[in-house]
Amino acid sequence: MVALLGSATIGSLQMELGAIQGTVKDEQGQPIEGVTIKLKDLTRGREVEVKTDKRGTFYRRGLPAVDYEFTVEKEGYNPIQDHLKLSAGLEKRYDFKLVRAVPEGAEEFARGVAAFNHGDNAAAAAAFEAAMKKAPDLPEVRVNLALAYLRLSRTADAVAQLEQARALAPDKPSVLFQLGEAYVDMKDYDKAVATIEEGLKKAPNSSDPVALDGMVTLGAVFFARGDNDNAIAQFDRVLAIKADAPAPRLGLAKALSSKGEVAKALEEFKRVVSSAPGTPEATEAEAFIKALAKPKAPGA
């Protein structure tokens, strides 16, 4: 955006000096605090800086009346670069508008999200790959690329991208949970458990929905590798936080059934049906109830 040159007023300034003042606002016309205006004296090479206040205004007096190269910049916005000439005894006003910067690969990333949401997984993967080439250090790009790969049954490629995402964001629980689930798809349960547990240690709050999902996944991994006791304990932890959640209660019922505690399992399956009717968990619970209710054949 080009600076808008306002009025020049005569002030009580020394004849060889000038002054500038003005505002910096965003695209919605809101003032931006902390914008840096750098002025470089093209005659002497000296530089001065001034920052905007809470009202987005700036003021600097006592400037030599010469030609300047100026830059208006703040992180997250596209900078403005231009030239200006100050006149002795005059105070010039400049009003700037900064536009938020668009990250590299943003267009490709948006295209990938749209394709993913429409079920076009090949197009989503291609778009995310293009975004990754432009923004290789953004873990979100790699996570979304991995999700597209998983839908395409490219599990090894998905794991590779999620491992890169973990390296870029080692303290982000959601990335660790996604990687843990990818290890489950590869049936590498030991890595899955270690990764999900690492994510849970770094989750700020166990009641956070992302953390709860991670806890449920961990219980499912324990169940998948035949560790019913740890699975039951893990599902109980989730239910102690969110008693009406159908997924952990269904998992608890399955683990109890697998352990041979049929009466307890039936009770939990029935609670899933009554507390979450119409859900996929309720449908699955109903199928288990019917199977457990069938009389066993002699000798079975």
C-alpha atoms as a PDB file:
ATOM      1  CA  MET A   1       0.000   0.000   0.000  1.00  0.00           C
ATOM      2  CA  VAL A   2       1.257   3.462  -0.845  1.00  0.00           C
ATOM      3  CA  ALA A   3       1.542   6.005   1.912  1.00  0.00           C
ATOM      4  CA  LEU A   4      -1.044   8.754   1.742  1.00  0.00           C
ATOM      5  CA  LEU A   5       0.628  12.138   1.917  1.00  0.00           C
ATOM      6  CA  GLY A   6      -1.374  14.531   4.009  1.00  0.00           C
ATOM      7  CA  SER A   7      -0.932  18.167   4.777  1.00  0.00           C
ATOM      8  CA  ALA A   8       2.329  19.980   5.476  1.00  0.00           C
ATOM      9  CA  THR A   9       2.038  22.575   8.196  1.00  0.00           C
ATOM     10  CA  ILE A  10       4.444  25.258   9.248  1.00  0.00           C
ATOM     11  CA  GLY A  11       5.596  24.665  12.807  1.00  0.00           C
ATOM     12  CA  SER A  12       7.971  26.315  15.191  1.00  0.00           C
ATOM     13  CA  LEU A  13      10.893  24.308  13.803  1.00  0.00           C
ATOM     14  CA  GLN A  14      14.401  25.359  12.986  1.00  0.00           C
ATOM     15  CA  MET A  15      14.708  26.194   9.308  1.00  0.00           C
ATOM     16  CA  GLU A  16      17.139  23.344   8.568  1.00  0.00           C
ATOM     17  CA  LEU A  17      14.995  20.713  10.331  1.00  0.00           C
ATOM     18  CA  GLY A  18      11.707  19.000   9.600  1.00  0.00           C
ATOM     19  CA  ALA A  19       9.321  16.594  11.290  1.00  0.00           C
ATOM     20  CA  ILE A  20       6.991  13.730  10.421  1.00  0.00           C
ATOM     21  CA  GLN A  21       3.890  12.388  12.088  1.00  0.00           C
ATOM     22  CA  GLY A  22       1.065  10.077  11.143  1.00  0.00           C
ATOM     23  CA  THR A  23      -0.742   6.806  11.794  1.00  0.00           C
ATOM     24  CA  VAL A  24      -0.472   3.137  10.868  1.00  0.00           C
ATOM     25  CA  LYS A  25      -3.657   1.086  10.577  1.00  0.00           C
ATOM     26  CA  ASP A  26      -4.641  -2.355   9.351  1.00  0.00           C
ATOM     27  CA  GLU A  27      -7.020  -3.291   6.536  1.00  0.00           C
ATOM     28  CA  GLN A  28     -10.035  -2.809   8.827  1.00  0.00           C
ATOM     29  CA  GLY A  29      -8.870   0.647   9.828  1.00  0.00           C
ATOM     30  CA  GLN A  30      -7.766  -0.413  13.300  1.00  0.00           C
ATOM     31  CA  PRO A  31      -4.585   1.156  14.746  1.00  0.00           C
ATOM     32  CA  ILE A  32      -1.501  -1.054  14.977  1.00  0.00           C
ATOM     33  CA  GLU A  33       0.803  -0.665  17.954  1.00  0.00           C
ATOM     34  CA  GLY A  34       4.529  -1.356  17.788  1.00  0.00           C
ATOM     35  CA  VAL A  35       5.057  -0.697  14.086  1.00  0.00           C
ATOM     36  CA  THR A  36       8.640   0.361  13.344  1.00  0.00           C
ATOM     37  CA  ILE A  37       9.237   3.264  10.972  1.00  0.00           C
ATOM     38  CA  LYS A  38      12.876   3.338   9.872  1.00  0.00           C
ATOM     39  CA  LEU A  39      14.257   6.465   8.198  1.00  0.00           C
ATOM     40  CA  LYS A  40      17.632   6.348   6.438  1.00  0.00           C
ATOM     41  CA  ASP A  41      19.294   9.651   5.615  1.00  0.00           C
ATOM     42  CA  LEU A  42      20.465   9.157   2.018  1.00  0.00           C
ATOM     43  CA  THR A  43      22.940  12.031   2.346  1.00  0.00           C
ATOM     44  CA  ARG A  44      24.763  10.951   5.506  1.00  0.00           C
ATOM     45  CA  GLY A  45      23.686   7.297   5.769  1.00  0.00           C
ATOM     46  CA  ARG A  46      22.366   7.755   9.290  1.00  0.00           C
ATOM     47  CA  GLU A  47      19.270   5.870  10.449  1.00  0.00           C
ATOM     48  CA  VAL A  48      16.577   6.749  12.949  1.00  0.00           C
ATOM     49  CA  GLU A  49      13.617   4.711  14.171  1.00  0.00           C
ATOM     50  CA  VAL A  50      10.254   5.550  15.637  1.00  0.00           C
ATOM     51  CA  LYS A  51       7.472   3.208  16.802  1.00  0.00           C
ATOM     52  CA  THR A  52       3.723   3.619  16.855  1.00  0.00           C
ATOM     53  CA  ASP A  53       1.869   3.836  20.179  1.00  0.00           C
ATOM     54  CA  LYS A  54      -1.406   2.176  21.215  1.00  0.00           C
ATOM     55  CA  ARG A  55      -3.331   4.564  18.982  1.00  0.00           C
ATOM     56  CA  GLY A  56      -1.166   3.631  16.007  1.00  0.00           C
ATOM     57  CA  THR A  57       0.341   7.127  15.885  1.00  0.00           C
ATOM     58  CA  PHE A  58       3.964   8.173  15.517  1.00  0.00           C
ATOM     59  CA  TYR A  59       5.877  11.466  15.671  1.00  0.00           C
ATOM     60  CA  ARG A  60       9.480  12.453  15.104  1.00  0.00           C
ATOM     61  CA  ARG A  61      10.883  15.958  15.048  1.00  0.00           C
ATOM     62  CA  GLY A  62      14.376  17.400  14.590  1.00  0.00           C
ATOM     63  CA  LEU A  63      15.059  15.552  11.345  1.00  0.00           C
ATOM     64  CA  PRO A  64      17.487  17.034   8.791  1.00  0.00           C
ATOM     65  CA  ALA A  65      15.648  18.321   5.739  1.00  0.00           C
ATOM     66  CA  VAL A  66      17.029  15.801   3.252  1.00  0.00           C
ATOM     67  CA  ASP A  67      15.935  12.796   1.195  1.00  0.00           C
ATOM     68  CA  TYR A  68      15.093   9.640   3.132  1.00  0.00           C
ATOM     69  CA  GLU A  69      14.531   6.006   2.364  1.00  0.00           C
ATOM     70  CA  PHE A  70      11.883   4.719   4.752  1.00  0.00           C
ATOM     71  CA  THR A  71      10.500   1.340   5.786  1.00  0.00           C
ATOM     72  CA  VAL A  72       7.290   0.669   7.700  1.00  0.00           C
ATOM     73  CA  GLU A  73       7.297  -2.837   9.145  1.00  0.00           C
ATOM     74  CA  LYS A  74       5.825  -5.171  11.748  1.00  0.00           C
ATOM     75  CA  GLU A  75       6.034  -8.947  11.959  1.00  0.00           C
ATOM     76  CA  GLY A  76       3.062 -10.603  10.294  1.00  0.00           C
ATOM     77  CA  TYR A  77       2.448  -7.728   7.870  1.00  0.00           C
ATOM     78  CA  ASN A  78       3.765  -6.871   4.432  1.00  0.00           C
ATOM     79  CA  PRO A  79       6.307  -4.039   4.833  1.00  0.00           C
ATOM     80  CA  ILE A  80       6.130  -0.705   3.007  1.00  0.00           C
ATOM     81  CA  GLN A  81       9.263   0.750   1.445  1.00  0.00           C
ATOM     82  CA  ASP A  82       9.475   4.134  -0.259  1.00  0.00           C
ATOM     83  CA  HIS A  83      11.252   7.490  -0.338  1.00  0.00           C
ATOM     84  CA  LEU A  84      10.351  10.870   1.105  1.00  0.00           C
ATOM     85  CA  LYS A  85      11.855  14.358   1.185  1.00  0.00           C
ATOM     86  CA  LEU A  86      11.573  16.545   4.253  1.00  0.00           C
ATOM     87  CA  SER A  87      11.498  20.305   3.941  1.00  0.00           C
ATOM     88  CA  ALA A  88      12.950  22.684   6.502  1.00  0.00           C
ATOM     89  CA  GLY A  89      10.402  24.150   8.875  1.00  0.00           C
ATOM     90  CA  LEU A  90       7.622  21.821   7.738  1.00  0.00           C
ATOM     91  CA  GLU A  91       5.858  19.005   9.524  1.00  0.00           C
ATOM     92  CA  LYS A  92       4.616  16.306   7.147  1.00  0.00           C
ATOM     93  CA  ARG A  93       1.932  13.779   7.858  1.00  0.00           C
ATOM     94  CA  TYR A  94       1.854  10.220   6.516  1.00  0.00           C
ATOM     95  CA  ASP A  95      -0.959   7.725   7.031  1.00  0.00           C
ATOM     96  CA  PHE A  96      -0.021   4.109   6.299  1.00  0.00           C
ATOM     97  CA  LYS A  97      -2.079   0.971   5.882  1.00  0.00           C
ATOM     98  CA  LEU A  98      -0.399  -2.384   6.515  1.00  0.00           C
ATOM     99  CA  VAL A  99      -1.768  -5.571   4.987  1.00  0.00           C
ATOM    100  CA  ARG A 100      -1.312  -8.891   6.753  1.00  0.00           C
ATOM    101  CA  ALA A 101       1.275 -11.071   5.084  1.00  0.00           C
ATOM    102  CA  VAL A 102       0.170 -14.305   3.463  1.00  0.00           C
ATOM    103  CA  PRO A 103       2.508 -17.165   4.461  1.00  0.00           C
ATOM    104  CA  GLU A 104       4.359 -19.019   1.745  1.00  0.00           C
ATOM    105  CA  GLY A 105       2.315 -21.976   0.560  1.00  0.00           C
ATOM    106  CA  ALA A 106      -0.946 -20.616   1.979  1.00  0.00           C
ATOM    107  CA  GLU A 107      -2.767 -20.832  -1.352  1.00  0.00           C
ATOM    108  CA  GLU A 108      -1.679 -24.431  -1.917  1.00  0.00           C
ATOM    109  CA  PHE A 109      -2.553 -25.316   1.688  1.00  0.00           C
ATOM    110  CA  ALA A 110      -6.084 -23.906   1.318  1.00  0.00           C
ATOM    111  CA  ARG A 111      -6.508 -25.850  -1.910  1.00  0.00           C
ATOM    112  CA  GLY A 112      -5.409 -29.030  -0.120  1.00  0.00           C
ATOM    113  CA  VAL A 113      -7.894 -28.513   2.719  1.00  0.00           C
ATOM    114  CA  ALA A 114     -10.737 -27.996   0.231  1.00  0.00           C
ATOM    115  CA  ALA A 115      -9.817 -31.158  -1.692  1.00  0.00           C
ATOM    116  CA  PHE A 116      -9.462 -33.152   1.544  1.00  0.00           C
ATOM    117  CA  ASN A 117     -12.897 -32.028   2.730  1.00  0.00           C
ATOM    118  CA  HIS A 118     -14.402 -33.091  -0.603  1.00  0.00           C
ATOM    119  CA  GLY A 119     -12.804 -36.528  -0.394  1.00  0.00           C
ATOM    120  CA  ASP A 120     -10.362 -35.966  -3.260  1.00  0.00           C
ATOM    121  CA  ASN A 121      -7.396 -37.361  -1.375  1.00  0.00           C
ATOM    122  CA  ALA A 122      -5.008 -37.512  -4.328  1.00  0.00           C
ATOM    123  CA  ALA A 123      -5.580 -33.818  -5.093  1.00  0.00           C
ATOM    124  CA  ALA A 124      -5.244 -32.984  -1.402  1.00  0.00           C
ATOM    125  CA  ALA A 125      -1.912 -34.787  -1.184  1.00  0.00           C
ATOM    126  CA  ALA A 126      -0.631 -33.021  -4.313  1.00  0.00           C
ATOM    127  CA  ALA A 127      -1.644 -29.603  -2.951  1.00  0.00           C
ATOM    128  CA  PHE A 128      -0.096 -30.246   0.455  1.00  0.00           C
ATOM    129  CA  GLU A 129       3.093 -31.466  -1.236  1.00  0.00           C
ATOM    130  CA  ALA A 130       3.242 -28.177  -3.152  1.00  0.00           C
ATOM    131  CA  ALA A 131       2.665 -26.242   0.076  1.00  0.00           C
ATOM    132  CA  MET A 132       5.405 -28.206   1.834  1.00  0.00           C
ATOM    133  CA  LYS A 133       7.933 -27.247  -0.847  1.00  0.00           C
ATOM    134  CA  LYS A 134       7.230 -23.595  -0.106  1.00  0.00           C
ATOM    135  CA  ALA A 135       6.921 -23.940   3.677  1.00  0.00           C
ATOM    136  CA  PRO A 136       8.935 -27.015   4.744  1.00  0.00           C
ATOM    137  CA  ASP A 137       9.270 -25.810   8.332  1.00  0.00           C
ATOM    138  CA  LEU A 138       5.537 -25.586   9.097  1.00  0.00           C
ATOM    139  CA  PRO A 139       4.455 -28.714  11.010  1.00  0.00           C
ATOM    140  CA  GLU A 140       0.769 -28.110  10.149  1.00  0.00           C
ATOM    141  CA  VAL A 141       1.517 -28.639   6.454  1.00  0.00           C
ATOM    142  CA  ARG A 142       3.235 -31.955   7.125  1.00  0.00           C
ATOM    143  CA  VAL A 143       0.452 -33.151   9.451  1.00  0.00           C
ATOM    144  CA  ASN A 144      -2.208 -32.475   6.834  1.00  0.00           C
ATOM    145  CA  LEU A 145      -0.098 -34.118   4.139  1.00  0.00           C
ATOM    146  CA  ALA A 146       0.204 -37.169   6.407  1.00  0.00           C
ATOM    147  CA  LEU A 147      -3.583 -37.312   6.859  1.00  0.00           C
ATOM    148  CA  ALA A 148      -4.024 -37.302   3.078  1.00  0.00           C
ATOM    149  CA  TYR A 149      -1.417 -40.067   2.767  1.00  0.00           C
ATOM    150  CA  LEU A 150      -3.258 -42.145   5.375  1.00  0.00           C
ATOM    151  CA  ARG A 151      -6.454 -41.905   3.349  1.00  0.00           C
ATOM    152  CA  LEU A 152      -4.467 -43.097   0.330  1.00  0.00           C
ATOM    153  CA  SER A 153      -3.110 -46.048   2.379  1.00  0.00           C
ATOM    154  CA  ARG A 154       0.402 -44.599   2.133  1.00  0.00           C
ATOM    155  CA  THR A 155       1.027 -45.292   5.806  1.00  0.00           C
ATOM    156  CA  ALA A 156       4.826 -45.312   5.696  1.00  0.00           C
ATOM    157  CA  ASP A 157       4.857 -41.936   3.920  1.00  0.00           C
ATOM    158  CA  ALA A 158       2.403 -40.576   6.494  1.00  0.00           C
ATOM    159  CA  VAL A 159       4.599 -41.701   9.375  1.00  0.00           C
ATOM    160  CA  ALA A 160       7.645 -40.087   7.756  1.00  0.00           C
ATOM    161  CA  GLN A 161       5.826 -36.743   7.485  1.00  0.00           C
ATOM    162  CA  LEU A 162       4.536 -36.937  11.062  1.00  0.00           C
ATOM    163  CA  GLU A 163       8.012 -37.727  12.357  1.00  0.00           C
ATOM    164  CA  GLN A 164       9.251 -34.601  10.568  1.00  0.00           C
ATOM    165  CA  ALA A 165       6.377 -32.637  12.106  1.00  0.00           C
ATOM    166  CA  ARG A 166       7.358 -33.915  15.563  1.00  0.00           C
ATOM    167  CA  ALA A 167      10.939 -32.750  14.964  1.00  0.00           C
ATOM    168  CA  LEU A 168       9.617 -29.297  14.060  1.00  0.00           C
ATOM    169  CA  ALA A 169       7.132 -29.123  16.964  1.00  0.00           C
ATOM    170  CA  PRO A 170       8.401 -31.510  19.677  1.00  0.00           C
ATOM    171  CA  ASP A 171       6.171 -30.025  22.381  1.00  0.00           C
ATOM    172  CA  LYS A 172       2.897 -30.094  20.454  1.00  0.00           C
ATOM    173  CA  PRO A 173       0.680 -32.896  21.840  1.00  0.00           C
ATOM    174  CA  SER A 174      -1.657 -33.011  18.829  1.00  0.00           C
ATOM    175  CA  VAL A 175       1.263 -33.886  16.523  1.00  0.00           C
ATOM    176  CA  LEU A 176       2.370 -36.658  18.875  1.00  0.00           C
ATOM    177  CA  PHE A 177      -1.163 -38.066  19.037  1.00  0.00           C
ATOM    178  CA  GLN A 178      -1.425 -38.093  15.241  1.00  0.00           C
ATOM    179  CA  LEU A 179       1.935 -39.862  15.004  1.00  0.00           C
ATOM    180  CA  GLY A 180       0.844 -42.378  17.629  1.00  0.00           C
ATOM    181  CA  GLU A 181      -2.282 -43.202  15.626  1.00  0.00           C
ATOM    182  CA  ALA A 182      -0.165 -43.641  12.486  1.00  0.00           C
ATOM    183  CA  TYR A 183       2.032 -46.114  14.369  1.00  0.00           C
ATOM    184  CA  VAL A 184      -1.163 -47.984  15.262  1.00  0.00           C
ATOM    185  CA  ASP A 185      -1.999 -48.244  11.550  1.00  0.00           C
ATOM    186  CA  MET A 186       1.444 -49.803  11.075  1.00  0.00           C
ATOM    187  CA  LYS A 187       0.728 -52.130  14.037  1.00  0.00           C
ATOM    188  CA  ASP A 188       3.829 -50.810  15.778  1.00  0.00           C
ATOM    189  CA  TYR A 189       2.093 -50.717  19.145  1.00  0.00           C
ATOM    190  CA  ASP A 190       5.182 -50.142  21.280  1.00  0.00           C
ATOM    191  CA  LYS A 191       6.029 -46.934  19.382  1.00  0.00           C
ATOM    192  CA  ALA A 192       2.376 -45.929  19.482  1.00  0.00           C
ATOM    193  CA  VAL A 193       2.204 -46.259  23.270  1.00  0.00           C
ATOM    194  CA  ALA A 194       5.485 -44.382  23.824  1.00  0.00           C
ATOM    195  CA  THR A 195       4.493 -41.545  21.483  1.00  0.00           C
ATOM    196  CA  ILE A 196       0.980 -41.071  22.859  1.00  0.00           C
ATOM    197  CA  GLU A 197       2.237 -41.171  26.450  1.00  0.00           C
ATOM    198  CA  GLU A 198       4.794 -38.503  25.532  1.00  0.00           C
ATOM    199  CA  GLY A 199       1.974 -36.383  24.123  1.00  0.00           C
ATOM    200  CA  LEU A 200      -0.098 -36.810  27.285  1.00  0.00           C
ATOM    201  CA  LYS A 201       2.831 -35.653  29.436  1.00  0.00           C
ATOM    202  CA  LYS A 202       3.047 -32.477  27.366  1.00  0.00           C
ATOM    203  CA  ALA A 203      -0.698 -31.797  27.273  1.00  0.00           C
ATOM    204  CA  PRO A 204      -1.446 -28.779  29.486  1.00  0.00           C
ATOM    205  CA  ASN A 205      -4.793 -30.119  30.701  1.00  0.00           C
ATOM    206  CA  SER A 206      -6.054 -33.707  30.779  1.00  0.00           C
ATOM    207  CA  SER A 207      -9.635 -32.486  30.274  1.00  0.00           C
ATOM    208  CA  ASP A 208      -8.716 -30.838  26.973  1.00  0.00           C
ATOM    209  CA  PRO A 209     -10.594 -32.579  24.111  1.00  0.00           C
ATOM    210  CA  VAL A 210      -7.340 -33.314  22.247  1.00  0.00           C
ATOM    211  CA  ALA A 211      -5.823 -34.879  25.384  1.00  0.00           C
ATOM    212  CA  LEU A 212      -8.976 -36.929  26.010  1.00  0.00           C
ATOM    213  CA  ASP A 213      -8.838 -38.268  22.462  1.00  0.00           C
ATOM    214  CA  GLY A 214      -5.215 -39.196  23.063  1.00  0.00           C
ATOM    215  CA  MET A 215      -6.158 -41.047  26.249  1.00  0.00           C
ATOM    216  CA  VAL A 216      -8.884 -42.983  24.416  1.00  0.00           C
ATOM    217  CA  THR A 217      -6.447 -43.888  21.652  1.00  0.00           C
ATOM    218  CA  LEU A 218      -3.934 -45.107  24.226  1.00  0.00           C
ATOM    219  CA  GLY A 219      -6.587 -47.354  25.766  1.00  0.00           C
ATOM    220  CA  ALA A 220      -7.405 -48.715  22.301  1.00  0.00           C
ATOM    221  CA  VAL A 221      -3.717 -49.475  21.691  1.00  0.00           C
ATOM    222  CA  PHE A 222      -3.481 -51.378  24.973  1.00  0.00           C
ATOM    223  CA  PHE A 223      -6.565 -53.361  23.945  1.00  0.00           C
ATOM    224  CA  ALA A 224      -5.177 -54.015  20.442  1.00  0.00           C
ATOM    225  CA  ARG A 225      -2.030 -55.602  21.852  1.00  0.00           C
ATOM    226  CA  GLY A 226      -4.030 -57.719  24.327  1.00  0.00           C
ATOM    227  CA  ASP A 227      -3.216 -55.720  27.460  1.00  0.00           C
ATOM    228  CA  ASN A 228      -6.769 -55.675  28.841  1.00  0.00           C
ATOM    229  CA  ASP A 229      -5.868 -54.535  32.355  1.00  0.00           C
ATOM    230  CA  ASN A 230      -4.073 -51.401  31.157  1.00  0.00           C
ATOM    231  CA  ALA A 231      -6.840 -50.789  28.613  1.00  0.00           C
ATOM    232  CA  ILE A 232      -9.503 -50.942  31.357  1.00  0.00           C
ATOM    233  CA  ALA A 233      -7.482 -48.633  33.599  1.00  0.00           C
ATOM    234  CA  GLN A 234      -7.000 -46.141  30.757  1.00  0.00           C
ATOM    235  CA  PHE A 235     -10.686 -46.067  29.777  1.00  0.00           C
ATOM    236  CA  ASP A 236     -11.633 -45.645  33.444  1.00  0.00           C
ATOM    237  CA  ARG A 237      -9.370 -42.565  33.611  1.00  0.00           C
ATOM    238  CA  VAL A 238     -11.179 -41.000  30.673  1.00  0.00           C
ATOM    239  CA  LEU A 239     -14.618 -41.799  32.079  1.00  0.00           C
ATOM    240  CA  ALA A 240     -13.637 -40.244  35.402  1.00  0.00           C
ATOM    241  CA  ILE A 241     -13.186 -36.979  33.484  1.00  0.00           C
ATOM    242  CA  LYS A 242     -16.051 -37.349  31.002  1.00  0.00           C
ATOM    243  CA  ALA A 243     -18.546 -39.960  32.111  1.00  0.00           C
ATOM    244  CA  ASP A 244     -20.910 -39.511  29.152  1.00  0.00           C
ATOM    245  CA  ALA A 245     -18.277 -40.167  26.461  1.00  0.00           C
ATOM    246  CA  PRO A 246     -19.383 -43.224  24.438  1.00  0.00           C
ATOM    247  CA  ALA A 247     -15.999 -44.158  22.904  1.00  0.00           C
ATOM    248  CA  PRO A 248     -14.131 -44.933  26.147  1.00  0.00           C
ATOM    249  CA  ARG A 249     -17.166 -46.724  27.601  1.00  0.00           C
ATOM    250  CA  LEU A 250     -17.389 -48.911  24.499  1.00  0.00           C
ATOM    251  CA  GLY A 251     -13.654 -49.586  24.787  1.00  0.00           C
ATOM    252  CA  LEU A 252     -14.089 -50.483  28.457  1.00  0.00           C
ATOM    253  CA  ALA A 253     -16.888 -52.898  27.608  1.00  0.00           C
ATOM    254  CA  LYS A 254     -14.777 -54.587  24.922  1.00  0.00           C
ATOM    255  CA  ALA A 255     -11.819 -54.985  27.269  1.00  0.00           C
ATOM    256  CA  LEU A 256     -14.046 -56.449  29.986  1.00  0.00           C
ATOM    257  CA  SER A 257     -15.565 -58.874  27.485  1.00  0.00           C
ATOM    258  CA  SER A 258     -12.127 -59.889  26.228  1.00  0.00           C
ATOM    259  CA  LYS A 259     -11.042 -60.514  29.811  1.00  0.00           C
ATOM    260  CA  GLY A 260     -14.056 -62.798  30.326  1.00  0.00           C
ATOM    261  CA  GLU A 261     -16.016 -60.483  32.610  1.00  0.00           C
ATOM    262  CA  VAL A 262     -19.172 -60.860  30.534  1.00  0.00           C
ATOM    263  CA  ALA A 263     -21.697 -59.520  33.061  1.00  0.00           C
ATOM    264  CA  LYS A 264     -19.765 -56.296  33.565  1.00  0.00           C
ATOM    265  CA  ALA A 265     -19.216 -56.007  29.827  1.00  0.00           C
ATOM    266  CA  LEU A 266     -22.946 -56.327  29.102  1.00  0.00           C
ATOM    267  CA  GLU A 267     -23.707 -53.664  31.662  1.00  0.00           C
ATOM    268  CA  GLU A 268     -21.271 -51.256  29.986  1.00  0.00           C
ATOM    269  CA  PHE A 269     -22.518 -52.062  26.469  1.00  0.00           C
ATOM    270  CA  LYS A 270     -26.088 -51.301  27.608  1.00  0.00           C
ATOM    271  CA  ARG A 271     -24.936 -47.985  29.094  1.00  0.00           C
ATOM    272  CA  VAL A 272     -23.465 -47.020  25.750  1.00  0.00           C
ATOM    273  CA  VAL A 273     -26.768 -47.770  24.003  1.00  0.00           C
ATOM    274  CA  SER A 274     -28.855 -45.861  26.541  1.00  0.00           C
ATOM    275  CA  SER A 275     -26.564 -42.845  26.913  1.00  0.00           C
ATOM    276  CA  ALA A 276     -25.590 -42.353  23.261  1.00  0.00           C
ATOM    277  CA  PRO A 277     -28.476 -43.637  21.092  1.00  0.00           C
ATOM    278  CA  GLY A 278     -28.024 -43.365  17.361  1.00  0.00           C
ATOM    279  CA  THR A 279     -24.230 -43.088  17.525  1.00  0.00           C
ATOM    280  CA  PRO A 280     -21.818 -45.518  15.813  1.00  0.00           C
ATOM    281  CA  GLU A 281     -20.710 -46.595  19.286  1.00  0.00           C
ATOM    282  CA  ALA A 282     -24.302 -47.500  20.211  1.00  0.00           C
ATOM    283  CA  THR A 283     -24.725 -49.517  17.007  1.00  0.00           C
ATOM    284  CA  GLU A 284     -21.542 -51.446  17.739  1.00  0.00           C
ATOM    285  CA  ALA A 285     -22.577 -51.983  21.357  1.00  0.00           C
ATOM    286  CA  GLU A 286     -25.929 -53.414  20.242  1.00  0.00           C
ATOM    287  CA  ALA A 287     -24.119 -55.933  18.038  1.00  0.00           C
ATOM    288  CA  PHE A 288     -21.976 -57.031  20.994  1.00  0.00           C
ATOM    289  CA  ILE A 289     -25.051 -57.351  23.216  1.00  0.00           C
ATOM    290  CA  LYS A 290     -26.717 -59.666  20.707  1.00  0.00           C
ATOM    291  CA  ALA A 291     -23.570 -61.743  20.327  1.00  0.00           C
ATOM    292  CA  LEU A 292     -23.078 -62.115  24.081  1.00  0.00           C
ATOM    293  CA  ALA A 293     -26.752 -62.958  24.631  1.00  0.00           C
ATOM    294  CA  LYS A 294     -26.663 -65.913  22.218  1.00  0.00           C
ATOM    295  CA  PRO A 295     -26.556 -69.252  24.060  1.00  0.00           C
ATOM    296  CA  LYS A 296     -23.348 -71.119  23.501  1.00  0.00           C
ATOM    297  CA  ALA A 297     -23.528 -74.452  21.691  1.00  0.00           C
ATOM    298  CA  PRO A 298     -22.703 -77.513  23.763  1.00  0.00           C
ATOM    299  CA  GLY A 299     -18.990 -78.024  23.980  1.00  0.00           C
ATOM    300  CA  ALA A 300     -18.279 -74.499  22.743  1.00  0.00           C
END
